[in-house]
């Protein structure tokens, strides 16, 4: 069993910054691509940013110049630094990862989500 636990969400003013983190735990043999997705009320869950095990990144166009995804493989943790936040960034942010448990095959995992609200 692999668990993903997010932290760092909260309320921030427009133009402000937040940093999210997601730590994976369990009987982890290998973690592949990790990413952040978000879902606003009434909308689909969309990709925000992903990062491969070697550090290659991909961003949604709406956040490309403002957000930075990174990871610490030694800590099995992925981060999302969010700058210049605007109200359109308000959503529940979910951590996602591909991972392999010892002696098992690759599966997908989701965190529980953390609320990010951008409002004055």
Protein backbone atom coordinates (compact mmCIF):
# COMPACT_ATOMS: atom_id res chain seq x y z
CA UNK A 1 0.00 0.00 0.00
CA UNK A 2 1.23 3.44 -0.98
CA UNK A 3 -0.15 6.58 0.57
CA UNK A 4 0.14 10.14 -0.69
CA UNK A 5 -0.38 12.91 1.84
CA UNK A 6 -0.61 16.54 0.76
CA UNK A 7 0.01 19.57 2.89
CA UNK A 8 0.34 23.32 2.45
CA UNK A 9 -3.07 24.38 1.23
CA UNK A 10 -4.87 27.37 2.62
CA UNK A 11 -6.16 30.86 2.02
CA UNK A 12 -4.00 33.40 0.22
CA UNK A 13 -4.56 36.84 -1.27
CA UNK A 14 -4.33 37.45 -5.00
CA UNK A 15 -0.72 37.83 -6.00
CA UNK A 16 0.45 35.76 -3.07
CA UNK A 17 2.26 32.45 -2.90
CA UNK A 18 1.76 28.99 -1.48
CA UNK A 19 3.90 25.90 -1.42
CA UNK A 20 2.34 22.46 -1.50
CA UNK A 21 4.07 19.23 -0.63
CA UNK A 22 3.13 15.59 -1.04
CA UNK A 23 4.94 12.78 0.70
CA UNK A 24 4.61 9.17 -0.39
CA UNK A 25 4.87 6.41 2.17
CA UNK A 26 4.43 2.66 2.33
CA UNK A 27 6.22 -0.33 0.88
CA UNK A 28 7.61 1.63 -2.04
CA UNK A 29 9.93 -0.04 -4.49
CA UNK A 30 9.91 2.71 -7.08
CA UNK A 31 8.07 5.95 -7.79
CA UNK A 32 7.78 7.17 -11.33
CA UNK A 33 6.14 10.32 -12.58
CA UNK A 34 4.47 12.45 -9.93
CA UNK A 35 2.17 15.36 -10.46
CA UNK A 36 -0.38 17.82 -9.27
CA UNK A 37 -3.95 18.05 -10.49
CA UNK A 38 -6.70 20.41 -9.47
CA UNK A 39 -10.45 20.47 -9.56
CA UNK A 40 -12.72 23.46 -9.07
CA UNK A 41 -16.43 23.05 -8.27
CA UNK A 42 -18.39 22.00 -11.33
CA UNK A 43 -15.27 21.44 -13.41
CA UNK A 44 -13.16 18.48 -14.46
CA UNK A 45 -9.96 17.53 -12.73
CA UNK A 46 -7.10 18.96 -14.79
CA UNK A 47 -3.39 18.44 -14.82
CA UNK A 48 -1.39 21.28 -13.31
CA UNK A 49 2.15 19.95 -13.49
CA UNK A 50 4.01 16.66 -13.68
CA UNK A 51 7.59 15.64 -13.12
CA UNK A 52 9.33 12.43 -14.09
CA UNK A 53 11.76 10.53 -11.93
CA UNK A 54 14.61 12.16 -13.83
CA UNK A 55 13.21 15.66 -13.38
CA UNK A 56 11.55 16.38 -16.72
CA UNK A 57 8.60 18.70 -16.15
CA UNK A 58 5.36 19.54 -17.89
CA UNK A 59 2.96 22.35 -17.02
CA UNK A 60 -0.51 23.42 -17.95
CA UNK A 61 -0.38 26.61 -20.00
CA UNK A 62 -2.36 28.49 -17.38
CA UNK A 63 0.33 28.00 -14.72
CA UNK A 64 3.52 27.63 -16.75
CA UNK A 65 5.08 30.97 -15.83
CA UNK A 66 3.93 30.98 -12.23
CA UNK A 67 4.21 27.47 -10.75
CA UNK A 68 7.24 25.26 -10.23
CA UNK A 69 7.12 21.54 -9.59
CA UNK A 70 10.05 19.75 -7.99
CA UNK A 71 10.78 16.50 -6.20
CA UNK A 72 13.12 14.99 -3.68
CA UNK A 73 13.55 11.34 -4.56
CA UNK A 74 15.34 10.57 -1.31
CA UNK A 75 12.26 11.74 0.59
CA UNK A 76 9.67 10.42 -1.89
CA UNK A 77 8.20 13.89 -1.94
CA UNK A 78 6.92 16.20 -4.65
CA UNK A 79 6.43 19.94 -4.26
CA UNK A 80 4.49 22.65 -6.02
CA UNK A 81 5.59 26.24 -5.56
CA UNK A 82 2.77 28.54 -6.59
CA UNK A 83 3.45 32.23 -7.16
CA UNK A 84 1.34 35.11 -8.42
CA UNK A 85 -1.83 33.31 -7.48
CA UNK A 86 -5.15 34.54 -8.79
CA UNK A 87 -8.75 33.59 -7.97
CA UNK A 88 -8.86 31.24 -10.97
CA UNK A 89 -6.33 29.05 -9.16
CA UNK A 90 -8.86 28.28 -6.43
CA UNK A 91 -9.43 24.52 -6.39
CA UNK A 92 -8.74 21.32 -4.55
CA UNK A 93 -5.22 20.25 -5.45
CA UNK A 94 -4.49 16.54 -5.65
CA UNK A 95 -1.18 14.76 -5.63
CA UNK A 96 -0.75 11.89 -8.07
CA UNK A 97 1.95 9.30 -8.56
CA UNK A 98 2.81 6.15 -10.40
CA UNK A 99 4.46 3.74 -8.01
CA UNK A 100 5.52 0.14 -7.64
CA UNK A 101 5.32 -1.71 -4.37
CA UNK A 102 7.85 -4.41 -3.64
CA UNK A 103 7.20 -7.50 -5.78
CA UNK A 104 4.18 -5.88 -7.42
CA UNK A 105 3.29 -4.01 -10.59
CA UNK A 106 2.90 -0.32 -11.28
CA UNK A 107 -0.24 1.36 -10.03
CA UNK A 108 -1.60 4.87 -9.83
CA UNK A 109 -2.18 6.64 -6.54
CA UNK A 110 -4.01 9.77 -5.52
CA UNK A 111 -3.72 11.91 -2.45
CA UNK A 112 -6.72 13.13 -0.51
CA UNK A 113 -6.49 16.66 -1.86
CA UNK A 114 -5.80 19.99 -0.24
CA UNK A 115 -7.89 23.12 -0.66
CA UNK A 116 -6.30 26.22 -2.13
CA UNK A 117 -8.40 29.36 -1.99
CA UNK A 118 -7.26 32.64 -3.52
CA UNK A 119 -9.36 35.54 -2.33
CA UNK A 120 -9.06 39.05 -0.95
